[in-house]
Amino acid sequence: MHPLHPWLMLAAGYGLFFYVFGKRTAPSVIDTKLMRDFDVTAASLSNLSAFYFWS
């Protein structure tokens, strides 16, 4: 095994973690704009963002 292999695997795991973290928190950053543009309540917006992860 190459000595760099464990570090590459760790970096890939960290990269995927932060990618998914960004995808999960992105709707909360623009929630007021989404609520205004789609003319929905906070409960409806949370359902919309939850359905994204089911698909």
C-alpha atoms as a PDB file:
ATOM      1  CA  MET A   1       0.000   0.000   0.000  1.00  0.00           C
ATOM      2  CA  HIS A   2       1.232   3.422  -0.912  1.00  0.00           C
ATOM      3  CA  PRO A   3       1.836   5.642   2.153  1.00  0.00           C
ATOM      4  CA  LEU A   4      -0.302   8.382   0.633  1.00  0.00           C
ATOM      5  CA  HIS A   5      -3.345   6.126   0.156  1.00  0.00           C
ATOM      6  CA  PRO A   6      -4.865   6.584   3.665  1.00  0.00           C
ATOM      7  CA  TRP A   7      -4.535  10.359   3.400  1.00  0.00           C
ATOM      8  CA  LEU A   8      -6.275  10.381   0.021  1.00  0.00           C
ATOM      9  CA  MET A   9      -9.139   8.327   1.426  1.00  0.00           C
ATOM     10  CA  LEU A  10      -9.429  10.690   4.391  1.00  0.00           C
ATOM     11  CA  ALA A  11      -9.403  13.722   2.105  1.00  0.00           C
ATOM     12  CA  ALA A  12     -12.121  12.148  -0.072  1.00  0.00           C
ATOM     13  CA  GLY A  13     -14.264  11.550   3.004  1.00  0.00           C
ATOM     14  CA  TYR A  14     -13.775  15.109   4.209  1.00  0.00           C
ATOM     15  CA  GLY A  15     -14.558  16.452   0.769  1.00  0.00           C
ATOM     16  CA  LEU A  16     -17.792  14.492   0.504  1.00  0.00           C
ATOM     17  CA  PHE A  17     -18.806  15.493   4.019  1.00  0.00           C
ATOM     18  CA  PHE A  18     -18.426  19.192   3.288  1.00  0.00           C
ATOM     19  CA  TYR A  19     -20.150  18.820  -0.077  1.00  0.00           C
ATOM     20  CA  VAL A  20     -23.214  17.236   1.542  1.00  0.00           C
ATOM     21  CA  PHE A  21     -23.097  19.760   4.395  1.00  0.00           C
ATOM     22  CA  GLY A  22     -23.211  22.576   1.860  1.00  0.00           C
ATOM     23  CA  LYS A  23     -26.111  20.976   0.004  1.00  0.00           C
ATOM     24  CA  ARG A  24     -28.057  20.594   3.236  1.00  0.00           C
ATOM     25  CA  THR A  25     -27.528  24.105   4.526  1.00  0.00           C
ATOM     26  CA  ALA A  26     -27.954  25.973   1.241  1.00  0.00           C
ATOM     27  CA  PRO A  27     -31.767  26.323   1.475  1.00  0.00           C
ATOM     28  CA  SER A  28     -31.507  27.891   4.929  1.00  0.00           C
ATOM     29  CA  VAL A  29     -29.304  30.660   3.566  1.00  0.00           C
ATOM     30  CA  ILE A  30     -31.854  31.809   0.994  1.00  0.00           C
ATOM     31  CA  ASP A  31     -35.056  30.799   2.790  1.00  0.00           C
ATOM     32  CA  THR A  32     -36.684  34.225   2.804  1.00  0.00           C
ATOM     33  CA  LYS A  33     -36.104  34.671  -0.915  1.00  0.00           C
ATOM     34  CA  LEU A  34     -37.464  31.190  -1.660  1.00  0.00           C
ATOM     35  CA  MET A  35     -40.531  31.829   0.475  1.00  0.00           C
ATOM     36  CA  ARG A  36     -41.170  35.107  -1.333  1.00  0.00           C
ATOM     37  CA  ASP A  37     -40.562  33.747  -4.846  1.00  0.00           C
ATOM     38  CA  PHE A  38     -42.608  30.560  -4.424  1.00  0.00           C
ATOM     39  CA  ASP A  39     -45.204  32.276  -2.222  1.00  0.00           C
ATOM     40  CA  VAL A  40     -45.106  29.508   0.406  1.00  0.00           C
ATOM     41  CA  THR A  41     -45.008  29.331   4.187  1.00  0.00           C
ATOM     42  CA  ALA A  42     -42.069  28.111   6.238  1.00  0.00           C
ATOM     43  CA  ALA A  43     -43.691  24.685   6.688  1.00  0.00           C
ATOM     44  CA  SER A  44     -44.163  24.274   2.945  1.00  0.00           C
ATOM     45  CA  LEU A  45     -40.610  25.366   2.254  1.00  0.00           C
ATOM     46  CA  SER A  46     -39.257  22.840   4.737  1.00  0.00           C
ATOM     47  CA  ASN A  47     -41.249  20.109   3.003  1.00  0.00           C
ATOM     48  CA  LEU A  48     -39.869  21.188  -0.363  1.00  0.00           C
ATOM     49  CA  SER A  49     -36.304  21.093   0.874  1.00  0.00           C
ATOM     50  CA  ALA A  50     -36.882  17.738   2.613  1.00  0.00           C
ATOM     51  CA  PHE A  51     -38.227  16.173  -0.585  1.00  0.00           C
ATOM     52  CA  TYR A  52     -34.965  17.042  -2.326  1.00  0.00           C
ATOM     53  CA  PHE A  53     -33.125  14.474  -0.226  1.00  0.00           C
ATOM     54  CA  TRP A  54     -35.720  11.795  -0.905  1.00  0.00           C
ATOM     55  CA  SER A  55     -35.246  12.109  -4.659  1.00  0.00           C
END
